[in-house]
Amino acid sequence: TVLVPVPLHPARFRERGFNQAERLAREVGRRLALPVRTDLLRRRRWEGSQTSRIRQGRAAAVSGAFTAAGEPPAQRILLVDDVWTTGATVRECRRVLLAAGGIPPIGILVAARTPRIRTRQRGS
């Protein structure tokens, strides 16, 4: 298994100074003696924070935002991201890796999942 952190756009990386998904992947890789590959995916477009977008907007914002940077290895891939909200980002990364020749299934590891927010109470 090889760990592949979800990449940040270079502008976002400069803003933040680090990639939290990469830090998570490196720590998991160190503890489990698994390699981390930061050279397999590139983020070619960043349309700002996803936090204010609804589900459909999140999917549209990441559609086509990633590209494969090379042929994936003939190993199982575990995508690593910091937060799962709708899953749009990791689904797009998985789609790109599979299209580039990644071996299915491609797993997903996230550090946290945001709770689903109810828009109205039952019985209201």
PDB file of N, CA and C in Angstrom:
ATOM      1  N   THR A   1       0.841  -1.192   0.000  1.00  0.00           N
ATOM      2  CA  THR A   1       0.000   0.000   0.000  1.00  0.00           C
ATOM      3  C   THR A   1       0.877   1.244   0.000  1.00  0.00           C
ATOM      4  N   VAL A   2       0.462   2.226  -0.785  1.00  0.00           N
ATOM      5  CA  VAL A   2       1.148   3.509  -0.830  1.00  0.00           C
ATOM      6  C   VAL A   2       0.140   4.588  -0.427  1.00  0.00           C
ATOM      7  N   LEU A   3       0.588   5.525   0.397  1.00  0.00           N
ATOM      8  CA  LEU A   3      -0.267   6.629   0.845  1.00  0.00           C
ATOM      9  C   LEU A   3      -0.100   7.812  -0.096  1.00  0.00           C
ATOM     10  N   VAL A   4      -1.237   8.388  -0.526  1.00  0.00           N
ATOM     11  CA  VAL A   4      -1.217   9.532  -1.442  1.00  0.00           C
ATOM     12  C   VAL A   4      -2.046  10.654  -0.825  1.00  0.00           C
ATOM     13  N   PRO A   5      -1.389  11.694  -0.306  1.00  0.00           N
ATOM     14  CA  PRO A   5      -2.148  12.809   0.269  1.00  0.00           C
ATOM     15  C   PRO A   5      -2.808  13.648  -0.828  1.00  0.00           C
ATOM     16  N   VAL A   6      -3.991  14.164  -0.520  1.00  0.00           N
ATOM     17  CA  VAL A   6      -4.666  15.075  -1.436  1.00  0.00           C
ATOM     18  C   VAL A   6      -3.814  16.341  -1.524  1.00  0.00           C
ATOM     19  N   PRO A   7      -3.433  16.726  -2.741  1.00  0.00           N
ATOM     20  CA  PRO A   7      -2.554  17.898  -2.869  1.00  0.00           C
ATOM     21  C   PRO A   7      -3.298  19.219  -2.735  1.00  0.00           C
ATOM     22  N   LEU A   8      -2.553  20.219  -2.293  1.00  0.00           N
ATOM     23  CA  LEU A   8      -3.052  21.593  -2.291  1.00  0.00           C
ATOM     24  C   LEU A   8      -2.609  22.272  -3.585  1.00  0.00           C
ATOM     25  N   HIS A   9      -3.352  23.264  -4.005  1.00  0.00           N
ATOM     26  CA  HIS A   9      -2.911  24.092  -5.118  1.00  0.00           C
ATOM     27  C   HIS A   9      -1.676  24.858  -4.635  1.00  0.00           C
ATOM     28  N   PRO A  10      -0.688  25.101  -5.496  1.00  0.00           N
ATOM     29  CA  PRO A  10       0.518  25.814  -5.060  1.00  0.00           C
ATOM     30  C   PRO A  10       0.235  27.158  -4.378  1.00  0.00           C
ATOM     31  N   ALA A  11      -0.763  27.894  -4.843  1.00  0.00           N
ATOM     32  CA  ALA A  11      -1.096  29.179  -4.204  1.00  0.00           C
ATOM     33  C   ALA A  11      -1.611  28.967  -2.788  1.00  0.00           C
ATOM     34  N   ARG A  12      -2.419  27.945  -2.594  1.00  0.00           N
ATOM     35  CA  ARG A  12      -2.941  27.633  -1.261  1.00  0.00           C
ATOM     36  C   ARG A  12      -1.810  27.148  -0.347  1.00  0.00           C
ATOM     37  N   PHE A  13      -0.883  26.380  -0.920  1.00  0.00           N
ATOM     38  CA  PHE A  13       0.260  25.908  -0.143  1.00  0.00           C
ATOM     39  C   PHE A  13       1.101  27.092   0.334  1.00  0.00           C
ATOM     40  N   ARG A  14       1.337  28.058  -0.552  1.00  0.00           N
ATOM     41  CA  ARG A  14       2.116  29.242  -0.160  1.00  0.00           C
ATOM     42  C   ARG A  14       1.395  30.011   0.949  1.00  0.00           C
ATOM     43  N   GLU A  15       0.092  30.101   0.845  1.00  0.00           N
ATOM     44  CA  GLU A  15      -0.717  30.798   1.850  1.00  0.00           C
ATOM     45  C   GLU A  15      -0.611  30.124   3.217  1.00  0.00           C
ATOM     46  N   ARG A  16      -0.763  28.821   3.229  1.00  0.00           N
ATOM     47  CA  ARG A  16      -0.810  28.059   4.469  1.00  0.00           C
ATOM     48  C   ARG A  16       0.583  27.675   4.973  1.00  0.00           C
ATOM     49  N   GLY A  17       1.484  27.366   4.056  1.00  0.00           N
ATOM     50  CA  GLY A  17       2.828  26.974   4.443  1.00  0.00           C
ATOM     51  C   GLY A  17       3.026  25.483   4.635  1.00  0.00           C
ATOM     52  N   PHE A  18       1.966  24.704   4.563  1.00  0.00           N
ATOM     53  CA  PHE A  18       2.061  23.249   4.694  1.00  0.00           C
ATOM     54  C   PHE A  18       0.775  22.628   4.142  1.00  0.00           C
ATOM     55  N   ASN A  19       0.842  21.328   3.885  1.00  0.00           N
ATOM     56  CA  ASN A  19      -0.323  20.570   3.453  1.00  0.00           C
ATOM     57  C   ASN A  19      -0.696  19.628   4.587  1.00  0.00           C
ATOM     58  N   GLN A  20      -1.839  19.868   5.214  1.00  0.00           N
ATOM     59  CA  GLN A  20      -2.244  19.066   6.365  1.00  0.00           C
ATOM     60  C   GLN A  20      -2.461  17.601   5.983  1.00  0.00           C
ATOM     61  N   ALA A  21      -2.951  17.312   4.777  1.00  0.00           N
ATOM     62  CA  ALA A  21      -3.138  15.927   4.337  1.00  0.00           C
ATOM     63  C   ALA A  21      -1.784  15.229   4.209  1.00  0.00           C
ATOM     64  N   GLU A  22      -0.789  15.958   3.718  1.00  0.00           N
ATOM     65  CA  GLU A  22       0.544  15.368   3.604  1.00  0.00           C
ATOM     66  C   GLU A  22       1.139  15.090   4.980  1.00  0.00           C
ATOM     67  N   ARG A  23       0.963  16.004   5.913  1.00  0.00           N
ATOM     68  CA  ARG A  23       1.471  15.768   7.271  1.00  0.00           C
ATOM     69  C   ARG A  23       0.827  14.534   7.887  1.00  0.00           C
ATOM     70  N   LEU A  24      -0.473  14.401   7.692  1.00  0.00           N
ATOM     71  CA  LEU A  24      -1.184  13.228   8.202  1.00  0.00           C
ATOM     72  C   LEU A  24      -0.659  11.955   7.537  1.00  0.00           C
ATOM     73  N   ALA A  25      -0.502  11.985   6.220  1.00  0.00           N
ATOM     74  CA  ALA A  25      -0.006  10.814   5.497  1.00  0.00           C
ATOM     75  C   ALA A  25       1.400  10.432   5.958  1.00  0.00           C
ATOM     76  N   ARG A  26       2.242  11.419   6.172  1.00  0.00           N
ATOM     77  CA  ARG A  26       3.617  11.113   6.609  1.00  0.00           C
ATOM     78  C   ARG A  26       3.632  10.466   7.996  1.00  0.00           C
ATOM     79  N   GLU A  27       2.772  10.935   8.887  1.00  0.00           N
ATOM     80  CA  GLU A  27       2.723  10.342  10.231  1.00  0.00           C
ATOM     81  C   GLU A  27       2.177   8.913  10.181  1.00  0.00           C
ATOM     82  N   VAL A  28       1.118   8.708   9.425  1.00  0.00           N
ATOM     83  CA  VAL A  28       0.576   7.348   9.271  1.00  0.00           C
ATOM     84  C   VAL A  28       1.614   6.457   8.599  1.00  0.00           C
ATOM     85  N   GLY A  29       2.253   6.971   7.568  1.00  0.00           N
ATOM     86  CA  GLY A  29       3.289   6.194   6.883  1.00  0.00           C
ATOM     87  C   GLY A  29       4.438   5.826   7.798  1.00  0.00           C
ATOM     88  N   ARG A  30       4.853   6.758   8.647  1.00  0.00           N
ATOM     89  CA  ARG A  30       5.943   6.479   9.588  1.00  0.00           C
ATOM     90  C   ARG A  30       5.542   5.387  10.565  1.00  0.00           C
ATOM     91  N   ARG A  31       4.333   5.492  11.096  1.00  0.00           N
ATOM     92  CA  ARG A  31       3.881   4.516  12.095  1.00  0.00           C
ATOM     93  C   ARG A  31       3.629   3.129  11.508  1.00  0.00           C
ATOM     94  N   LEU A  32       3.179   3.079  10.256  1.00  0.00           N
ATOM     95  CA  LEU A  32       2.853   1.795   9.639  1.00  0.00           C
ATOM     96  C   LEU A  32       3.902   1.323   8.633  1.00  0.00           C
ATOM     97  N   ALA A  33       4.986   2.064   8.519  1.00  0.00           N
ATOM     98  CA  ALA A  33       6.070   1.744   7.578  1.00  0.00           C
ATOM     99  C   ALA A  33       5.539   1.624   6.149  1.00  0.00           C
ATOM    100  N   LEU A  34       4.751   2.632   5.746  1.00  0.00           N
ATOM    101  CA  LEU A  34       4.208   2.686   4.388  1.00  0.00           C
ATOM    102  C   LEU A  34       4.784   3.899   3.668  1.00  0.00           C
ATOM    103  N   PRO A  35       5.064   3.754   2.373  1.00  0.00           N
ATOM    104  CA  PRO A  35       5.592   4.896   1.623  1.00  0.00           C
ATOM    105  C   PRO A  35       4.520   5.944   1.355  1.00  0.00           C
ATOM    106  N   VAL A  36       4.952   7.195   1.279  1.00  0.00           N
ATOM    107  CA  VAL A  36       4.079   8.320   0.956  1.00  0.00           C
ATOM    108  C   VAL A  36       4.514   8.848  -0.401  1.00  0.00           C
ATOM    109  N   ARG A  37       3.555   8.993  -1.324  1.00  0.00           N
ATOM    110  CA  ARG A  37       3.850   9.499  -2.659  1.00  0.00           C
ATOM    111  C   ARG A  37       3.124  10.821  -2.874  1.00  0.00           C
ATOM    112  N   THR A  38       3.886  11.893  -2.935  1.00  0.00           N
ATOM    113  CA  THR A  38       3.310  13.217  -3.193  1.00  0.00           C
ATOM    114  C   THR A  38       3.427  13.600  -4.665  1.00  0.00           C
ATOM    115  N   ASP A  39       3.958  12.699  -5.461  1.00  0.00           N
ATOM    116  CA  ASP A  39       4.215  12.992  -6.869  1.00  0.00           C
ATOM    117  C   ASP A  39       3.181  12.383  -7.819  1.00  0.00           C
ATOM    118  N   LEU A  40       2.093  11.823  -7.322  1.00  0.00           N
ATOM    119  CA  LEU A  40       1.129  11.148  -8.180  1.00  0.00           C
ATOM    120  C   LEU A  40      -0.054  12.020  -8.586  1.00  0.00           C
ATOM    121  N   LEU A  41      -0.375  13.006  -7.784  1.00  0.00           N
ATOM    122  CA  LEU A  41      -1.501  13.903  -8.056  1.00  0.00           C
ATOM    123  C   LEU A  41      -1.034  15.344  -8.011  1.00  0.00           C
ATOM    124  N   ARG A  42      -1.629  16.166  -8.850  1.00  0.00           N
ATOM    125  CA  ARG A  42      -1.396  17.614  -8.821  1.00  0.00           C
ATOM    126  C   ARG A  42      -2.747  18.306  -8.803  1.00  0.00           C
ATOM    127  N   ARG A  43      -2.805  19.383  -8.066  1.00  0.00           N
ATOM    128  CA  ARG A  43      -4.014  20.206  -8.083  1.00  0.00           C
ATOM    129  C   ARG A  43      -3.746  21.341  -9.055  1.00  0.00           C
ATOM    130  N   ARG A  44      -4.494  21.377 -10.136  1.00  0.00           N
ATOM    131  CA  ARG A  44      -4.246  22.386 -11.159  1.00  0.00           C
ATOM    132  C   ARG A  44      -5.167  23.586 -11.044  1.00  0.00           C
ATOM    133  N   ARG A  45      -6.191  23.472 -10.212  1.00  0.00           N
ATOM    134  CA  ARG A  45      -7.121  24.578 -10.042  1.00  0.00           C
ATOM    135  C   ARG A  45      -7.607  24.597  -8.597  1.00  0.00           C
ATOM    136  N   TRP A  46      -7.726  25.803  -8.057  1.00  0.00           N
ATOM    137  CA  TRP A  46      -8.256  25.967  -6.701  1.00  0.00           C
ATOM    138  C   TRP A  46      -9.232  27.124  -6.738  1.00  0.00           C
ATOM    139  N   GLU A  47     -10.440  26.866  -6.358  1.00  0.00           N
ATOM    140  CA  GLU A  47     -11.489  27.875  -6.439  1.00  0.00           C
ATOM    141  C   GLU A  47     -11.906  28.367  -5.060  1.00  0.00           C
ATOM    142  N   GLY A  48     -10.958  28.457  -4.167  1.00  0.00           N
ATOM    143  CA  GLY A  48     -11.250  28.953  -2.829  1.00  0.00           C
ATOM    144  C   GLY A  48     -11.747  27.869  -1.897  1.00  0.00           C
ATOM    145  N   SER A  49     -12.083  28.285  -0.712  1.00  0.00           N
ATOM    146  CA  SER A  49     -12.524  27.359   0.323  1.00  0.00           C
ATOM    147  C   SER A  49     -13.844  26.697  -0.042  1.00  0.00           C
ATOM    148  N   GLN A  50     -13.974  25.450   0.346  1.00  0.00           N
ATOM    149  CA  GLN A  50     -15.202  24.700   0.121  1.00  0.00           C
ATOM    150  C   GLN A  50     -16.235  24.937   1.220  1.00  0.00           C
ATOM    151  N   THR A  51     -15.834  25.551   2.311  1.00  0.00           N
ATOM    152  CA  THR A  51     -16.685  25.593   3.503  1.00  0.00           C
ATOM    153  C   THR A  51     -18.045  26.239   3.298  1.00  0.00           C
ATOM    154  N   SER A  52     -18.151  27.212   2.410  1.00  0.00           N
ATOM    155  CA  SER A  52     -19.435  27.889   2.231  1.00  0.00           C
ATOM    156  C   SER A  52     -20.278  27.293   1.105  1.00  0.00           C
ATOM    157  N   ARG A  53     -19.771  26.261   0.443  1.00  0.00           N
ATOM    158  CA  ARG A  53     -20.491  25.684  -0.691  1.00  0.00           C
ATOM    159  C   ARG A  53     -21.444  24.567  -0.265  1.00  0.00           C
ATOM    160  N   ILE A  54     -22.545  24.451  -0.994  1.00  0.00           N
ATOM    161  CA  ILE A  54     -23.445  23.320  -0.799  1.00  0.00           C
ATOM    162  C   ILE A  54     -22.877  22.116  -1.530  1.00  0.00           C
ATOM    163  N   ARG A  55     -23.458  20.948  -1.321  1.00  0.00           N
ATOM    164  CA  ARG A  55     -22.952  19.692  -1.878  1.00  0.00           C
ATOM    165  C   ARG A  55     -22.662  19.788  -3.381  1.00  0.00           C
ATOM    166  N   GLN A  56     -23.624  20.264  -4.165  1.00  0.00           N
ATOM    167  CA  GLN A  56     -23.429  20.327  -5.613  1.00  0.00           C
ATOM    168  C   GLN A  56     -22.311  21.306  -5.976  1.00  0.00           C
ATOM    169  N   GLY A  57     -22.211  22.393  -5.250  1.00  0.00           N
ATOM    170  CA  GLY A  57     -21.156  23.367  -5.504  1.00  0.00           C
ATOM    171  C   GLY A  57     -19.781  22.815  -5.211  1.00  0.00           C
ATOM    172  N   ARG A  58     -19.686  21.975  -4.198  1.00  0.00           N
ATOM    173  CA  ARG A  58     -18.400  21.357  -3.860  1.00  0.00           C
ATOM    174  C   ARG A  58     -17.937  20.423  -4.969  1.00  0.00           C
ATOM    175  N   ALA A  59     -18.864  19.611  -5.468  1.00  0.00           N
ATOM    176  CA  ALA A  59     -18.519  18.678  -6.542  1.00  0.00           C
ATOM    177  C   ALA A  59     -18.093  19.437  -7.789  1.00  0.00           C
ATOM    178  N   ALA A  60     -18.807  20.494  -8.133  1.00  0.00           N
ATOM    179  CA  ALA A  60     -18.467  21.287  -9.319  1.00  0.00           C
ATOM    180  C   ALA A  60     -17.114  21.968  -9.159  1.00  0.00           C
ATOM    181  N   ALA A  61     -16.804  22.426  -7.953  1.00  0.00           N
ATOM    182  CA  ALA A  61     -15.550  23.137  -7.711  1.00  0.00           C
ATOM    183  C   ALA A  61     -14.327  22.243  -7.870  1.00  0.00           C
ATOM    184  N   VAL A  62     -14.466  20.956  -7.585  1.00  0.00           N
ATOM    185  CA  VAL A  62     -13.303  20.062  -7.692  1.00  0.00           C
ATOM    186  C   VAL A  62     -13.301  19.245  -8.973  1.00  0.00           C
ATOM    187  N   SER A  63     -14.380  19.286  -9.746  1.00  0.00           N
ATOM    188  CA  SER A  63     -14.423  18.555 -11.010  1.00  0.00           C
ATOM    189  C   SER A  63     -13.338  19.102 -11.942  1.00  0.00           C
ATOM    190  N   GLY A  64     -12.413  18.249 -12.317  1.00  0.00           N
ATOM    191  CA  GLY A  64     -11.314  18.657 -13.190  1.00  0.00           C
ATOM    192  C   GLY A  64     -10.206  19.419 -12.494  1.00  0.00           C
ATOM    193  N   ALA A  65     -10.269  19.535 -11.170  1.00  0.00           N
ATOM    194  CA  ALA A  65      -9.262  20.308 -10.435  1.00  0.00           C
ATOM    195  C   ALA A  65      -7.961  19.546 -10.225  1.00  0.00           C
ATOM    196  N   PHE A  66      -7.984  18.222 -10.399  1.00  0.00           N
ATOM    197  CA  PHE A  66      -6.802  17.402 -10.156  1.00  0.00           C
ATOM    198  C   PHE A  66      -6.373  16.718 -11.443  1.00  0.00           C
ATOM    199  N   THR A  67      -5.107  16.425 -11.524  1.00  0.00           N
ATOM    200  CA  THR A  67      -4.569  15.682 -12.662  1.00  0.00           C
ATOM    201  C   THR A  67      -3.541  14.683 -12.142  1.00  0.00           C
ATOM    202  N   ALA A  68      -3.415  13.579 -12.852  1.00  0.00           N
ATOM    203  CA  ALA A  68      -2.392  12.593 -12.496  1.00  0.00           C
ATOM    204  C   ALA A  68      -1.046  13.140 -12.955  1.00  0.00           C
ATOM    205  N   ALA A  69      -0.052  12.987 -12.105  1.00  0.00           N
ATOM    206  CA  ALA A  69       1.275  13.510 -12.412  1.00  0.00           C
ATOM    207  C   ALA A  69       2.187  12.411 -12.943  1.00  0.00           C
ATOM    208  N   GLY A  70       1.651  11.243 -13.116  1.00  0.00           N
ATOM    209  CA  GLY A  70       2.426  10.115 -13.603  1.00  0.00           C
ATOM    210  C   GLY A  70       1.586   8.868 -13.489  1.00  0.00           C
ATOM    211  N   GLU A  71       2.140   7.759 -13.890  1.00  0.00           N
ATOM    212  CA  GLU A  71       1.420   6.498 -13.808  1.00  0.00           C
ATOM    213  C   GLU A  71       1.442   5.987 -12.367  1.00  0.00           C
ATOM    214  N   PRO A  72       0.260   5.691 -11.818  1.00  0.00           N
ATOM    215  CA  PRO A  72       0.220   5.169 -10.441  1.00  0.00           C
ATOM    216  C   PRO A  72       0.962   3.835 -10.345  1.00  0.00           C
ATOM    217  N   PRO A  73       1.524   3.547  -9.179  1.00  0.00           N
ATOM    218  CA  PRO A  73       2.258   2.292  -9.005  1.00  0.00           C
ATOM    219  C   PRO A  73       1.304   1.098  -9.008  1.00  0.00           C
ATOM    220  N   ALA A  74       1.847  -0.058  -9.255  1.00  0.00           N
ATOM    221  CA  ALA A  74       1.059  -1.294  -9.220  1.00  0.00           C
ATOM    222  C   ALA A  74       0.919  -1.757  -7.775  1.00  0.00           C
ATOM    223  N   GLN A  75       0.421  -0.856  -6.942  1.00  0.00           N
ATOM    224  CA  GLN A  75       0.210  -1.121  -5.523  1.00  0.00           C
ATOM    225  C   GLN A  75      -1.166  -0.582  -5.142  1.00  0.00           C
ATOM    226  N   ARG A  76      -1.661  -1.037  -3.995  1.00  0.00           N
ATOM    227  CA  ARG A  76      -2.892  -0.448  -3.482  1.00  0.00           C
ATOM    228  C   ARG A  76      -2.605   0.992  -3.096  1.00  0.00           C
ATOM    229  N   ILE A  77      -3.567   1.859  -3.369  1.00  0.00           N
ATOM    230  CA  ILE A  77      -3.436   3.274  -3.039  1.00  0.00           C
ATOM    231  C   ILE A  77      -4.423   3.616  -1.943  1.00  0.00           C
ATOM    232  N   LEU A  78      -3.937   4.354  -0.955  1.00  0.00           N
ATOM    233  CA  LEU A  78      -4.788   4.876   0.108  1.00  0.00           C
ATOM    234  C   LEU A  78      -4.677   6.390   0.055  1.00  0.00           C
ATOM    235  N   LEU A  79      -5.750   7.044  -0.405  1.00  0.00           N
ATOM    236  CA  LEU A  79      -5.797   8.505  -0.441  1.00  0.00           C
ATOM    237  C   LEU A  79      -5.930   9.024   0.977  1.00  0.00           C
ATOM    238  N   VAL A  80      -5.247  10.103   1.287  1.00  0.00           N
ATOM    239  CA  VAL A  80      -5.284  10.675   2.629  1.00  0.00           C
ATOM    240  C   VAL A  80      -5.701  12.137   2.540  1.00  0.00           C
ATOM    241  N   ASP A  81      -6.723  12.492   3.343  1.00  0.00           N
ATOM    242  CA  ASP A  81      -7.157  13.886   3.431  1.00  0.00           C
ATOM    243  C   ASP A  81      -7.455  14.194   4.891  1.00  0.00           C
ATOM    244  N   ASP A  82      -7.535  15.469   5.212  1.00  0.00           N
ATOM    245  CA  ASP A  82      -7.750  15.841   6.610  1.00  0.00           C
ATOM    246  C   ASP A  82      -9.215  15.785   7.018  1.00  0.00           C
ATOM    247  N   VAL A  83     -10.133  16.238   6.147  1.00  0.00           N
ATOM    248  CA  VAL A  83     -11.544  16.309   6.520  1.00  0.00           C
ATOM    249  C   VAL A  83     -12.425  15.797   5.389  1.00  0.00           C
ATOM    250  N   TRP A  84     -13.456  15.040   5.741  1.00  0.00           N
ATOM    251  CA  TRP A  84     -14.468  14.577   4.794  1.00  0.00           C
ATOM    252  C   TRP A  84     -15.733  15.358   5.091  1.00  0.00           C
ATOM    253  N   THR A  85     -16.212  16.097   4.121  1.00  0.00           N
ATOM    254  CA  THR A  85     -17.493  16.783   4.278  1.00  0.00           C
ATOM    255  C   THR A  85     -18.505  16.105   3.365  1.00  0.00           C
ATOM    256  N   THR A  86     -18.370  16.285   2.073  1.00  0.00           N
ATOM    257  CA  THR A  86     -19.261  15.603   1.130  1.00  0.00           C
ATOM    258  C   THR A  86     -18.551  14.466   0.408  1.00  0.00           C
ATOM    259  N   GLY A  87     -17.228  14.437   0.475  1.00  0.00           N
ATOM    260  CA  GLY A  87     -16.453  13.417  -0.225  1.00  0.00           C
ATOM    261  C   GLY A  87     -16.107  13.788  -1.651  1.00  0.00           C
ATOM    262  N   ALA A  88     -16.502  14.981  -2.090  1.00  0.00           N
ATOM    263  CA  ALA A  88     -16.266  15.398  -3.479  1.00  0.00           C
ATOM    264  C   ALA A  88     -14.782  15.408  -3.831  1.00  0.00           C
ATOM    265  N   THR A  89     -13.951  15.897  -2.948  1.00  0.00           N
ATOM    266  CA  THR A  89     -12.513  16.013  -3.237  1.00  0.00           C
ATOM    267  C   THR A  89     -11.879  14.637  -3.411  1.00  0.00           C
ATOM    268  N   VAL A  90     -12.093  13.736  -2.471  1.00  0.00           N
ATOM    269  CA  VAL A  90     -11.460  12.422  -2.572  1.00  0.00           C
ATOM    270  C   VAL A  90     -12.062  11.598  -3.699  1.00  0.00           C
ATOM    271  N   ARG A  91     -13.346  11.773  -3.992  1.00  0.00           N
ATOM    272  CA  ARG A  91     -13.936  11.067  -5.134  1.00  0.00           C
ATOM    273  C   ARG A  91     -13.280  11.519  -6.444  1.00  0.00           C
ATOM    274  N   GLU A  92     -13.033  12.823  -6.575  1.00  0.00           N
ATOM    275  CA  GLU A  92     -12.385  13.327  -7.793  1.00  0.00           C
ATOM    276  C   GLU A  92     -10.944  12.830  -7.870  1.00  0.00           C
ATOM    277  N   CYS A  93     -10.227  12.827  -6.758  1.00  0.00           N
ATOM    278  CA  CYS A  93      -8.851  12.304  -6.758  1.00  0.00           C
ATOM    279  C   CYS A  93      -8.841  10.823  -7.125  1.00  0.00           C
ATOM    280  N   ARG A  94      -9.765  10.068  -6.570  1.00  0.00           N
ATOM    281  CA  ARG A  94      -9.843   8.632  -6.878  1.00  0.00           C
ATOM    282  C   ARG A  94     -10.148   8.426  -8.365  1.00  0.00           C
ATOM    283  N   ARG A  95     -11.075   9.212  -8.917  1.00  0.00           N
ATOM    284  CA  ARG A  95     -11.428   9.107 -10.325  1.00  0.00           C
ATOM    285  C   ARG A  95     -10.192   9.336 -11.210  1.00  0.00           C
ATOM    286  N   VAL A  96      -9.421  10.374 -10.885  1.00  0.00           N
ATOM    287  CA  VAL A  96      -8.224  10.720 -11.658  1.00  0.00           C
ATOM    288  C   VAL A  96      -7.186   9.599 -11.576  1.00  0.00           C
ATOM    289  N   LEU A  97      -6.955   9.064 -10.394  1.00  0.00           N
ATOM    290  CA  LEU A  97      -5.966   7.988 -10.233  1.00  0.00           C
ATOM    291  C   LEU A  97      -6.392   6.715 -10.973  1.00  0.00           C
ATOM    292  N   LEU A  98      -7.676   6.375 -10.928  1.00  0.00           N
ATOM    293  CA  LEU A  98      -8.163   5.201 -11.655  1.00  0.00           C
ATOM    294  C   LEU A  98      -8.024   5.403 -13.160  1.00  0.00           C
ATOM    295  N   ALA A  99      -8.355   6.594 -13.639  1.00  0.00           N
ATOM    296  CA  ALA A  99      -8.234   6.891 -15.069  1.00  0.00           C
ATOM    297  C   ALA A  99      -6.774   6.826 -15.531  1.00  0.00           C
ATOM    298  N   ALA A 100      -5.843   7.103 -14.635  1.00  0.00           N
ATOM    299  CA  ALA A 100      -4.414   7.072 -14.968  1.00  0.00           C
ATOM    300  C   ALA A 100      -3.827   5.663 -14.872  1.00  0.00           C
ATOM    301  N   GLY A 101      -4.650   4.701 -14.434  1.00  0.00           N
ATOM    302  CA  GLY A 101      -4.168   3.326 -14.355  1.00  0.00           C
ATOM    303  C   GLY A 101      -4.017   2.780 -12.958  1.00  0.00           C
ATOM    304  N   GLY A 102      -4.527   3.495 -11.962  1.00  0.00           N
ATOM    305  CA  GLY A 102      -4.485   2.996 -10.592  1.00  0.00           C
ATOM    306  C   GLY A 102      -5.291   1.717 -10.453  1.00  0.00           C
ATOM    307  N   ILE A 103      -4.867   0.861  -9.561  1.00  0.00           N
ATOM    308  CA  ILE A 103      -5.518  -0.432  -9.358  1.00  0.00           C
ATOM    309  C   ILE A 103      -6.677  -0.272  -8.369  1.00  0.00           C
ATOM    310  N   PRO A 104      -7.896  -0.626  -8.783  1.00  0.00           N
ATOM    311  CA  PRO A 104      -9.016  -0.528  -7.840  1.00  0.00           C
ATOM    312  C   PRO A 104      -8.957  -1.666  -6.821  1.00  0.00           C
ATOM    313  N   PRO A 105      -9.513  -1.512  -5.648  1.00  0.00           N
ATOM    314  CA  PRO A 105     -10.133  -0.272  -5.174  1.00  0.00           C
ATOM    315  C   PRO A 105      -9.086   0.675  -4.605  1.00  0.00           C
ATOM    316  N   ILE A 106      -9.381   1.946  -4.652  1.00  0.00           N
ATOM    317  CA  ILE A 106      -8.525   2.951  -4.030  1.00  0.00           C
ATOM    318  C   ILE A 106      -9.208   3.357  -2.732  1.00  0.00           C
ATOM    319  N   GLY A 107      -8.521   3.144  -1.614  1.00  0.00           N
ATOM    320  CA  GLY A 107      -9.086   3.445  -0.308  1.00  0.00           C
ATOM    321  C   GLY A 107      -8.957   4.910   0.052  1.00  0.00           C
ATOM    322  N   ILE A 108      -9.677   5.280   1.095  1.00  0.00           N
ATOM    323  CA  ILE A 108      -9.690   6.666   1.556  1.00  0.00           C
ATOM    324  C   ILE A 108      -9.514   6.681   3.071  1.00  0.00           C
ATOM    325  N   LEU A 109      -8.593   7.519   3.547  1.00  0.00           N
ATOM    326  CA  LEU A 109      -8.362   7.718   4.967  1.00  0.00           C
ATOM    327  C   LEU A 109      -8.499   9.203   5.259  1.00  0.00           C
ATOM    328  N   VAL A 110      -9.385   9.555   6.185  1.00  0.00           N
ATOM    329  CA  VAL A 110      -9.534  10.951   6.590  1.00  0.00           C
ATOM    330  C   VAL A 110      -9.408  11.045   8.104  1.00  0.00           C
ATOM    331  N   ALA A 111      -8.949  12.201   8.568  1.00  0.00           N
ATOM    332  CA  ALA A 111      -8.761  12.401  10.003  1.00  0.00           C
ATOM    333  C   ALA A 111     -10.067  12.747  10.698  1.00  0.00           C
ATOM    334  N   ALA A 112     -10.973  13.422   9.995  1.00  0.00           N
ATOM    335  CA  ALA A 112     -12.230  13.847  10.614  1.00  0.00           C
ATOM    336  C   ALA A 112     -13.323  13.901   9.566  1.00  0.00           C
ATOM    337  N   ARG A 113     -14.542  13.750  10.042  1.00  0.00           N
ATOM    338  CA  ARG A 113     -15.703  13.881   9.174  1.00  0.00           C
ATOM    339  C   ARG A 113     -16.590  14.952   9.770  1.00  0.00           C
ATOM    340  N   THR A 114     -17.025  15.877   8.928  1.00  0.00           N
ATOM    341  CA  THR A 114     -17.901  16.929   9.445  1.00  0.00           C
ATOM    342  C   THR A 114     -19.292  16.360   9.647  1.00  0.00           C
ATOM    343  N   PRO A 115     -19.983  16.791  10.701  1.00  0.00           N
ATOM    344  CA  PRO A 115     -21.337  16.270  10.938  1.00  0.00           C
ATOM    345  C   PRO A 115     -22.311  16.822   9.910  1.00  0.00           C
ATOM    346  N   ARG A 116     -23.313  16.025   9.598  1.00  0.00           N
ATOM    347  CA  ARG A 116     -24.367  16.487   8.696  1.00  0.00           C
ATOM    348  C   ARG A 116     -25.218  17.486   9.461  1.00  0.00           C
ATOM    349  N   ILE A 117     -25.468  18.624   8.857  1.00  0.00           N
ATOM    350  CA  ILE A 117     -26.262  19.664   9.501  1.00  0.00           C
ATOM    351  C   ILE A 117     -27.698  19.539   9.024  1.00  0.00           C
ATOM    352  N   ARG A 118     -28.598  19.438   9.969  1.00  0.00           N
ATOM    353  CA  ARG A 118     -30.010  19.358   9.626  1.00  0.00           C
ATOM    354  C   ARG A 118     -30.535  20.763   9.390  1.00  0.00           C
ATOM    355  N   THR A 119     -31.324  20.898   8.348  1.00  0.00           N
ATOM    356  CA  THR A 119     -31.840  22.216   8.012  1.00  0.00           C
ATOM    357  C   THR A 119     -33.150  22.525   8.743  1.00  0.00           C
ATOM    358  N   ARG A 120     -33.824  21.484   9.224  1.00  0.00           N
ATOM    359  CA  ARG A 120     -35.042  21.726  10.009  1.00  0.00           C
ATOM    360  C   ARG A 120     -35.260  20.555  10.959  1.00  0.00           C
ATOM    361  N   GLN A 121     -35.940  20.803  12.007  1.00  0.00           N
ATOM    362  CA  GLN A 121     -36.239  19.782  13.012  1.00  0.00           C
ATOM    363  C   GLN A 121     -37.367  18.882  12.518  1.00  0.00           C
ATOM    364  N   ARG A 122     -37.336  17.635  12.945  1.00  0.00           N
ATOM    365  CA  ARG A 122     -38.443  16.737  12.624  1.00  0.00           C
ATOM    366  C   ARG A 122     -39.701  17.247  13.300  1.00  0.00           C
ATOM    367  N   GLY A 123     -40.807  17.091  12.611  1.00  0.00           N
ATOM    368  CA  GLY A 123     -42.090  17.494  13.191  1.00  0.00           C
ATOM    369  C   GLY A 123     -42.346  18.986  13.089  1.00  0.00           C
ATOM    370  N   SER A 124     -41.423  19.744  12.481  1.00  0.00           N
ATOM    371  CA  SER A 124     -41.613  21.190  12.373  1.00  0.00           C
ATOM    372  C   SER A 124     -42.434  21.508  11.166  1.00  0.00           C
TER     373      SER A 124
END
